[in-house]
Each structure stands twice: as C-alpha cells, then as structure tokens.
Amino acid sequence: MSERKYALRTSLCDFYFSRNGEDYDLTAAVDSAAFEDPERKHLTRGSSGQNSTGLIYTEGIKDPKTLTVVFIGLSAEYAALLADMYKEEERTDFKIIDRKTGQMRSFKDAIVSQKPAQATMSEGAEEQNVQVIFECFTVEDK
C-alpha cells in the first residue's frame, strides 16, 4: 500500500489549531510533521481488455488524509488540551503557514485520531514529547 507523502519544512512554518474560536500556536514545540494522502489514480484495461489507452480509476477516496505531528517540549497544558479533544471527539481546523511565502495548508474539521501519549521520557512534568495524529477529509492549499 503505497501512499503519497509530503514532508513539511517545520523551520519555516507556523502551526496553529483552533478550539472554541480560539487559536493556539504550537510552532515552538513542533519537531516534525508528515502529511499522507491515500488517494491515488490507476489505469486498468477494463473487463474486455480491448481498451488500448486504459480506464482511469481512483482508490483511497473513502480514507481520510492524515497529518502526523511530533512535538518536543510541548507544554503539559497543551498536551492535556489535545488529549481532551481526543476524548471529547472534537473537530478542529489545523493550519500550517509558511512564513516565507505566506502559503497555508489547512486541515478542515480534523480530529485527533489517537490518544496523545508521551513518546519519550523527559526530566520535567511541565513539558512532554508527544506524537499527535490528525485525520480529515478536506485539505486546502492557499
């Protein structure tokens, strides 16, 4: 199962999500982010095998697009906020904005698809290293 992946340059981007009309800036804690889109186009000959150019069909349109974000040093407050969004099955708009070009990738009505868990141990309880996976069907590039 091959999927298209897009690596985002975290050093040039700002990361935000919204909850109850308030925007939260996660830029300082983002270590890496990867976007996966399962939608792919394929060629087939059809049932008779007589079509010389082939028919085009699309797979993966039922599956959500995913954004995996790894946070290093995420505040305990933000980690609890994301865990609460997972528990309450809340939807959010997650935005990545390129500071250099102004381009934005927006993940509309995304959910936190796995309970955020501390990926690696750290010394203090104030900051956590967490991986969060967001899923959505609508990704817009502006």
N, C-alpha and C. Protein backbone atom coordinates (compact mmCIF):
# COMPACT_ATOMS: atom_id res chain seq x y z
N MET A 1 0.85 -1.18 0.00
CA MET A 1 0.00 0.00 0.00
C MET A 1 0.89 1.24 0.00
N SER A 2 1.06 1.81 -1.13
CA SER A 2 1.91 2.98 -1.29
C SER A 2 1.07 4.24 -1.16
N GLU A 3 1.57 5.23 -0.44
CA GLU A 3 0.83 6.47 -0.23
C GLU A 3 1.73 7.65 -0.55
N ARG A 4 1.12 8.73 -1.05
CA ARG A 4 1.88 9.95 -1.27
C ARG A 4 2.17 10.59 0.07
N LYS A 5 3.40 11.06 0.26
CA LYS A 5 3.78 11.72 1.50
C LYS A 5 4.38 13.08 1.17
N TYR A 6 4.09 14.05 2.00
CA TYR A 6 4.64 15.38 1.84
C TYR A 6 5.38 15.74 3.11
N ALA A 7 6.64 16.05 3.01
CA ALA A 7 7.41 16.50 4.17
C ALA A 7 7.28 18.01 4.25
N LEU A 8 6.95 18.51 5.41
CA LEU A 8 6.78 19.95 5.62
C LEU A 8 8.03 20.49 6.29
N ARG A 9 8.53 21.63 5.85
CA ARG A 9 9.73 22.22 6.46
C ARG A 9 9.31 22.97 7.71
N THR A 10 9.47 22.34 8.84
CA THR A 10 8.98 22.89 10.10
C THR A 10 9.69 24.18 10.48
N SER A 11 10.94 24.34 10.08
CA SER A 11 11.69 25.53 10.48
C SER A 11 11.15 26.80 9.82
N LEU A 12 10.41 26.66 8.73
CA LEU A 12 9.87 27.83 8.02
C LEU A 12 8.37 27.99 8.20
N CYS A 13 7.77 27.20 9.07
CA CYS A 13 6.31 27.21 9.19
C CYS A 13 5.82 27.54 10.60
N ASP A 14 4.63 28.10 10.65
CA ASP A 14 3.90 28.29 11.90
C ASP A 14 2.77 27.27 11.95
N PHE A 15 2.51 26.72 13.13
CA PHE A 15 1.50 25.68 13.31
C PHE A 15 0.44 26.16 14.30
N TYR A 16 -0.82 26.10 13.89
CA TYR A 16 -1.93 26.56 14.73
C TYR A 16 -3.06 25.55 14.68
N PHE A 17 -3.84 25.50 15.75
CA PHE A 17 -5.13 24.82 15.70
C PHE A 17 -6.12 25.68 16.47
N SER A 18 -7.39 25.50 16.17
CA SER A 18 -8.41 26.30 16.84
C SER A 18 -9.33 25.40 17.66
N ARG A 19 -9.78 25.96 18.77
CA ARG A 19 -10.74 25.26 19.64
C ARG A 19 -11.64 26.31 20.26
N ASN A 20 -12.93 26.15 20.08
CA ASN A 20 -13.94 27.08 20.61
C ASN A 20 -13.64 28.52 20.19
N GLY A 21 -13.22 28.69 18.93
CA GLY A 21 -12.98 30.03 18.40
C GLY A 21 -11.67 30.66 18.80
N GLU A 22 -10.84 29.95 19.54
CA GLU A 22 -9.55 30.49 19.97
C GLU A 22 -8.42 29.73 19.25
N ASP A 23 -7.43 30.48 18.74
CA ASP A 23 -6.29 29.87 18.07
C ASP A 23 -5.17 29.58 19.06
N TYR A 24 -4.54 28.41 18.91
CA TYR A 24 -3.43 28.01 19.75
C TYR A 24 -2.20 27.83 18.87
N ASP A 25 -1.10 28.47 19.24
CA ASP A 25 0.13 28.43 18.49
C ASP A 25 1.03 27.32 19.04
N LEU A 26 1.36 26.35 18.20
CA LEU A 26 2.19 25.22 18.60
C LEU A 26 3.57 25.26 17.94
N THR A 27 3.90 26.34 17.27
CA THR A 27 5.11 26.42 16.46
C THR A 27 6.37 26.05 17.22
N ALA A 28 6.53 26.55 18.42
CA ALA A 28 7.77 26.34 19.18
C ALA A 28 8.01 24.88 19.54
N ALA A 29 6.96 24.08 19.63
CA ALA A 29 7.10 22.69 20.08
C ALA A 29 7.16 21.67 18.93
N VAL A 30 6.89 22.10 17.69
CA VAL A 30 6.84 21.14 16.58
C VAL A 30 8.24 20.71 16.19
N ASP A 31 8.46 19.40 16.19
CA ASP A 31 9.74 18.84 15.76
C ASP A 31 9.67 18.39 14.30
N SER A 32 8.58 17.71 13.94
CA SER A 32 8.41 17.26 12.57
C SER A 32 6.92 17.06 12.28
N ALA A 33 6.61 17.07 10.99
CA ALA A 33 5.23 16.85 10.55
C ALA A 33 5.26 16.13 9.22
N ALA A 34 4.35 15.18 9.03
CA ALA A 34 4.26 14.44 7.77
C ALA A 34 2.80 14.30 7.38
N PHE A 35 2.50 14.61 6.13
CA PHE A 35 1.15 14.55 5.59
C PHE A 35 1.04 13.35 4.66
N GLU A 36 -0.01 12.54 4.84
CA GLU A 36 -0.23 11.38 3.99
C GLU A 36 -1.60 11.47 3.34
N ASP A 37 -1.62 11.28 2.03
CA ASP A 37 -2.86 11.31 1.26
C ASP A 37 -3.02 9.96 0.58
N PRO A 38 -4.01 9.15 0.99
CA PRO A 38 -4.15 7.81 0.42
C PRO A 38 -4.76 7.78 -0.98
N GLU A 39 -5.22 8.92 -1.48
CA GLU A 39 -5.87 8.95 -2.79
C GLU A 39 -4.85 8.78 -3.92
N ARG A 40 -5.12 7.82 -4.81
CA ARG A 40 -4.23 7.54 -5.94
C ARG A 40 -5.06 7.22 -7.17
N LYS A 41 -4.53 7.54 -8.33
CA LYS A 41 -5.17 7.19 -9.59
C LYS A 41 -4.41 6.03 -10.23
N HIS A 42 -5.17 5.15 -10.90
CA HIS A 42 -4.59 3.97 -11.55
C HIS A 42 -5.20 3.80 -12.92
N LEU A 43 -4.55 3.00 -13.74
CA LEU A 43 -5.06 2.60 -15.04
C LEU A 43 -5.47 1.14 -15.01
N THR A 44 -6.52 0.81 -15.76
CA THR A 44 -6.92 -0.58 -15.93
C THR A 44 -7.42 -0.75 -17.35
N ARG A 45 -7.41 -1.95 -17.85
CA ARG A 45 -7.88 -2.22 -19.22
C ARG A 45 -9.39 -2.38 -19.28
N GLY A 46 -10.01 -2.68 -18.19
CA GLY A 46 -11.45 -2.98 -18.23
C GLY A 46 -11.66 -4.48 -18.37
N SER A 47 -12.90 -4.91 -18.36
CA SER A 47 -13.20 -6.35 -18.34
C SER A 47 -12.89 -7.04 -19.66
N SER A 48 -13.02 -6.34 -20.78
CA SER A 48 -12.76 -7.00 -22.07
C SER A 48 -11.29 -6.97 -22.46
N GLY A 49 -10.51 -6.06 -21.86
CA GLY A 49 -9.09 -5.96 -22.18
C GLY A 49 -8.83 -5.36 -23.55
N GLN A 50 -9.83 -4.77 -24.19
CA GLN A 50 -9.69 -4.24 -25.54
C GLN A 50 -9.33 -2.75 -25.57
N ASN A 51 -9.45 -2.07 -24.46
CA ASN A 51 -9.17 -0.64 -24.42
C ASN A 51 -7.67 -0.43 -24.44
N SER A 52 -7.14 0.22 -25.50
CA SER A 52 -5.69 0.35 -25.64
C SER A 52 -5.10 1.43 -24.73
N THR A 53 -5.86 2.45 -24.39
CA THR A 53 -5.32 3.51 -23.53
C THR A 53 -5.60 3.25 -22.06
N GLY A 54 -6.59 2.46 -21.75
CA GLY A 54 -6.92 2.14 -20.36
C GLY A 54 -7.94 3.10 -19.76
N LEU A 55 -8.57 2.66 -18.74
CA LEU A 55 -9.54 3.45 -17.98
C LEU A 55 -8.87 3.93 -16.69
N ILE A 56 -9.20 5.13 -16.28
CA ILE A 56 -8.63 5.69 -15.05
C ILE A 56 -9.62 5.49 -13.91
N TYR A 57 -9.13 5.00 -12.78
CA TYR A 57 -9.97 4.92 -11.59
C TYR A 57 -9.17 5.42 -10.39
N THR A 58 -9.90 5.83 -9.35
CA THR A 58 -9.29 6.40 -8.15
C THR A 58 -9.54 5.49 -6.96
N GLU A 59 -8.48 5.25 -6.18
CA GLU A 59 -8.63 4.48 -4.94
C GLU A 59 -8.32 5.38 -3.76
N GLY A 60 -8.78 5.00 -2.60
CA GLY A 60 -8.45 5.72 -1.38
C GLY A 60 -9.30 6.95 -1.10
N ILE A 61 -10.37 7.16 -1.87
CA ILE A 61 -11.16 8.37 -1.64
C ILE A 61 -12.04 8.26 -0.40
N LYS A 62 -12.24 7.04 0.10
CA LYS A 62 -13.02 6.85 1.33
C LYS A 62 -12.18 7.04 2.58
N ASP A 63 -10.85 6.97 2.42
CA ASP A 63 -9.95 7.03 3.57
C ASP A 63 -9.56 8.47 3.87
N PRO A 64 -9.43 8.83 5.14
CA PRO A 64 -9.05 10.20 5.49
C PRO A 64 -7.58 10.47 5.23
N LYS A 65 -7.28 11.72 5.04
CA LYS A 65 -5.90 12.19 4.94
C LYS A 65 -5.39 12.33 6.37
N THR A 66 -4.10 12.08 6.60
CA THR A 66 -3.57 12.17 7.96
C THR A 66 -2.38 13.12 8.02
N LEU A 67 -2.28 13.77 9.15
CA LEU A 67 -1.15 14.63 9.46
C LEU A 67 -0.59 14.15 10.79
N THR A 68 0.65 13.69 10.78
CA THR A 68 1.32 13.23 12.00
C THR A 68 2.30 14.31 12.42
N VAL A 69 2.11 14.82 13.64
CA VAL A 69 2.95 15.89 14.16
C VAL A 69 3.66 15.39 15.42
N VAL A 70 4.97 15.56 15.46
CA VAL A 70 5.76 15.19 16.63
C VAL A 70 6.13 16.48 17.35
N PHE A 71 5.75 16.56 18.62
CA PHE A 71 6.04 17.73 19.44
C PHE A 71 7.15 17.39 20.43
N ILE A 72 8.13 18.27 20.54
CA ILE A 72 9.20 18.14 21.52
C ILE A 72 9.06 19.32 22.48
N GLY A 73 8.92 19.04 23.75
CA GLY A 73 8.78 20.10 24.74
C GLY A 73 7.43 20.78 24.71
N LEU A 74 6.38 20.02 24.37
CA LEU A 74 5.02 20.56 24.39
C LEU A 74 4.60 20.79 25.84
N SER A 75 4.02 21.93 26.10
CA SER A 75 3.62 22.22 27.48
C SER A 75 2.56 21.23 27.94
N ALA A 76 2.55 20.94 29.22
CA ALA A 76 1.59 19.99 29.79
C ALA A 76 0.17 20.48 29.56
N GLU A 77 -0.02 21.80 29.56
CA GLU A 77 -1.35 22.38 29.32
C GLU A 77 -1.84 22.05 27.91
N TYR A 78 -0.98 22.23 26.91
CA TYR A 78 -1.37 21.92 25.53
C TYR A 78 -1.56 20.42 25.32
N ALA A 79 -0.71 19.61 25.96
CA ALA A 79 -0.85 18.16 25.86
C ALA A 79 -2.20 17.71 26.44
N ALA A 80 -2.58 18.29 27.56
CA ALA A 80 -3.88 17.96 28.17
C ALA A 80 -5.03 18.44 27.29
N LEU A 81 -4.86 19.59 26.65
CA LEU A 81 -5.87 20.14 25.75
C LEU A 81 -6.10 19.20 24.57
N LEU A 82 -5.02 18.71 23.96
CA LEU A 82 -5.13 17.78 22.84
C LEU A 82 -5.73 16.44 23.28
N ALA A 83 -5.36 15.96 24.46
CA ALA A 83 -5.94 14.72 24.99
C ALA A 83 -7.43 14.88 25.25
N ASP A 84 -7.84 16.05 25.73
CA ASP A 84 -9.26 16.32 25.96
C ASP A 84 -10.02 16.37 24.64
N MET A 85 -9.41 16.94 23.61
CA MET A 85 -10.05 16.98 22.29
C MET A 85 -10.24 15.57 21.74
N TYR A 86 -9.28 14.69 21.98
CA TYR A 86 -9.41 13.29 21.58
C TYR A 86 -10.57 12.63 22.32
N LYS A 87 -10.59 12.82 23.62
CA LYS A 87 -11.63 12.20 24.47
C LYS A 87 -13.03 12.67 24.10
N GLU A 88 -13.16 13.97 23.85
CA GLU A 88 -14.47 14.55 23.54
C GLU A 88 -14.83 14.46 22.06
N GLU A 89 -13.94 13.89 21.24
CA GLU A 89 -14.15 13.75 19.80
C GLU A 89 -14.47 15.08 19.13
N GLU A 90 -13.70 16.10 19.52
CA GLU A 90 -13.90 17.43 18.96
C GLU A 90 -13.22 17.56 17.61
N ARG A 91 -13.80 18.41 16.78
CA ARG A 91 -13.21 18.73 15.48
C ARG A 91 -12.48 20.06 15.59
N THR A 92 -11.41 20.18 14.80
CA THR A 92 -10.62 21.40 14.82
C THR A 92 -10.13 21.72 13.42
N ASP A 93 -9.72 22.94 13.20
CA ASP A 93 -9.02 23.31 11.98
C ASP A 93 -7.55 23.47 12.34
N PHE A 94 -6.71 22.67 11.73
CA PHE A 94 -5.27 22.72 11.97
C PHE A 94 -4.64 23.41 10.78
N LYS A 95 -3.81 24.42 11.02
CA LYS A 95 -3.25 25.22 9.94
C LYS A 95 -1.73 25.23 10.02
N ILE A 96 -1.11 25.14 8.85
CA ILE A 96 0.33 25.28 8.72
C ILE A 96 0.56 26.43 7.75
N ILE A 97 1.28 27.45 8.20
CA ILE A 97 1.52 28.64 7.39
C ILE A 97 3.01 28.80 7.16
N ASP A 98 3.42 28.89 5.91
CA ASP A 98 4.82 29.10 5.55
C ASP A 98 5.12 30.59 5.73
N ARG A 99 6.04 30.89 6.64
CA ARG A 99 6.37 32.30 6.94
C ARG A 99 7.02 33.00 5.76
N LYS A 100 7.72 32.27 4.92
CA LYS A 100 8.45 32.87 3.81
C LYS A 100 7.53 33.24 2.65
N THR A 101 6.64 32.33 2.28
CA THR A 101 5.79 32.53 1.11
C THR A 101 4.37 32.95 1.45
N GLY A 102 3.94 32.73 2.69
CA GLY A 102 2.57 33.04 3.07
C GLY A 102 1.58 31.96 2.69
N GLN A 103 2.05 30.90 2.05
CA GLN A 103 1.15 29.81 1.69
C GLN A 103 0.66 29.09 2.93
N MET A 104 -0.59 28.60 2.86
CA MET A 104 -1.18 27.94 4.01
C MET A 104 -1.76 26.60 3.58
N ARG A 105 -1.55 25.59 4.40
CA ARG A 105 -2.22 24.31 4.24
C ARG A 105 -3.14 24.16 5.44
N SER A 106 -4.42 23.99 5.15
CA SER A 106 -5.44 23.94 6.19
C SER A 106 -6.11 22.58 6.20
N PHE A 107 -6.20 21.99 7.38
CA PHE A 107 -6.84 20.70 7.58
C PHE A 107 -8.18 20.98 8.26
N LYS A 108 -9.26 20.95 7.48
CA LYS A 108 -10.60 21.35 7.96
C LYS A 108 -11.30 20.21 8.69
N ASP A 109 -11.94 20.56 9.79
CA ASP A 109 -12.73 19.61 10.58
C ASP A 109 -11.94 18.34 10.93
N ALA A 110 -10.70 18.53 11.32
CA ALA A 110 -9.84 17.40 11.67
C ALA A 110 -10.15 16.90 13.08
N ILE A 111 -9.86 15.63 13.30
CA ILE A 111 -9.97 15.04 14.64
C ILE A 111 -8.60 14.55 15.07
N VAL A 112 -8.41 14.44 16.36
CA VAL A 112 -7.22 13.79 16.91
C VAL A 112 -7.56 12.31 16.91
N SER A 113 -6.87 11.53 16.07
CA SER A 113 -7.31 10.15 15.84
C SER A 113 -6.73 9.12 16.81
N GLN A 114 -5.67 9.47 17.51
CA GLN A 114 -5.12 8.59 18.54
C GLN A 114 -4.93 9.41 19.80
N LYS A 115 -5.09 8.76 20.93
CA LYS A 115 -4.87 9.47 22.18
C LYS A 115 -3.41 9.91 22.25
N PRO A 116 -3.17 11.22 22.42
CA PRO A 116 -1.79 11.69 22.51
C PRO A 116 -1.09 11.06 23.71
N ALA A 117 0.08 10.50 23.46
CA ALA A 117 0.84 9.85 24.53
C ALA A 117 2.28 10.33 24.46
N GLN A 118 2.91 10.38 25.60
CA GLN A 118 4.29 10.82 25.67
C GLN A 118 5.17 9.77 24.99
N ALA A 119 5.84 10.20 23.90
CA ALA A 119 6.65 9.28 23.11
C ALA A 119 7.97 8.94 23.79
N THR A 120 8.60 9.93 24.40
CA THR A 120 9.86 9.69 25.10
C THR A 120 9.81 10.36 26.46
N MET A 121 10.58 9.84 27.37
CA MET A 121 10.60 10.38 28.72
C MET A 121 11.47 11.63 28.77
N SER A 122 11.08 12.59 29.60
CA SER A 122 11.88 13.79 29.81
C SER A 122 11.98 14.04 31.31
N GLU A 123 12.79 15.00 31.69
CA GLU A 123 13.04 15.26 33.11
C GLU A 123 11.87 15.92 33.82
N GLY A 124 11.24 16.88 33.18
CA GLY A 124 10.20 17.64 33.87
C GLY A 124 8.80 17.25 33.47
N ALA A 125 7.87 17.48 34.37
CA ALA A 125 6.46 17.21 34.09
C ALA A 125 5.81 18.37 33.35
N GLU A 126 6.52 19.51 33.25
CA GLU A 126 5.95 20.69 32.62
C GLU A 126 5.93 20.57 31.10
N GLU A 127 6.86 19.79 30.54
CA GLU A 127 6.95 19.64 29.10
C GLU A 127 6.94 18.17 28.72
N GLN A 128 6.32 17.88 27.56
CA GLN A 128 6.23 16.49 27.12
C GLN A 128 6.62 16.37 25.65
N ASN A 129 7.11 15.20 25.28
CA ASN A 129 7.39 14.86 23.89
C ASN A 129 6.25 13.96 23.41
N VAL A 130 5.43 14.47 22.50
CA VAL A 130 4.17 13.83 22.16
C VAL A 130 4.03 13.72 20.64
N GLN A 131 3.46 12.61 20.17
CA GLN A 131 3.09 12.47 18.77
C GLN A 131 1.57 12.55 18.68
N VAL A 132 1.07 13.39 17.77
CA VAL A 132 -0.37 13.56 17.60
C VAL A 132 -0.70 13.31 16.13
N ILE A 133 -1.74 12.52 15.89
CA ILE A 133 -2.18 12.23 14.53
C ILE A 133 -3.56 12.87 14.33
N PHE A 134 -3.62 13.74 13.33
CA PHE A 134 -4.88 14.38 12.95
C PHE A 134 -5.39 13.71 11.68
N GLU A 135 -6.72 13.49 11.59
CA GLU A 135 -7.34 12.94 10.39
C GLU A 135 -8.42 13.89 9.91
N CYS A 136 -8.52 14.02 8.58
CA CYS A 136 -9.60 14.83 7.99
C CYS A 136 -9.78 14.43 6.55
N PHE A 137 -10.85 14.91 5.94
CA PHE A 137 -11.11 14.65 4.54
C PHE A 137 -10.83 15.88 3.67
N THR A 138 -10.81 17.07 4.27
CA THR A 138 -10.64 18.29 3.50
C THR A 138 -9.31 18.96 3.84
N VAL A 139 -8.42 18.99 2.86
CA VAL A 139 -7.15 19.68 2.99
C VAL A 139 -7.10 20.74 1.90
N GLU A 140 -6.90 21.99 2.31
CA GLU A 140 -6.88 23.08 1.36
C GLU A 140 -5.51 23.75 1.36
N ASP A 141 -5.00 24.01 0.16
CA ASP A 141 -3.76 24.77 0.00
C ASP A 141 -4.13 26.13 -0.56
N LYS A 142 -3.68 27.18 0.13
CA LYS A 142 -4.00 28.54 -0.31
C LYS A 142 -2.72 29.32 -0.50
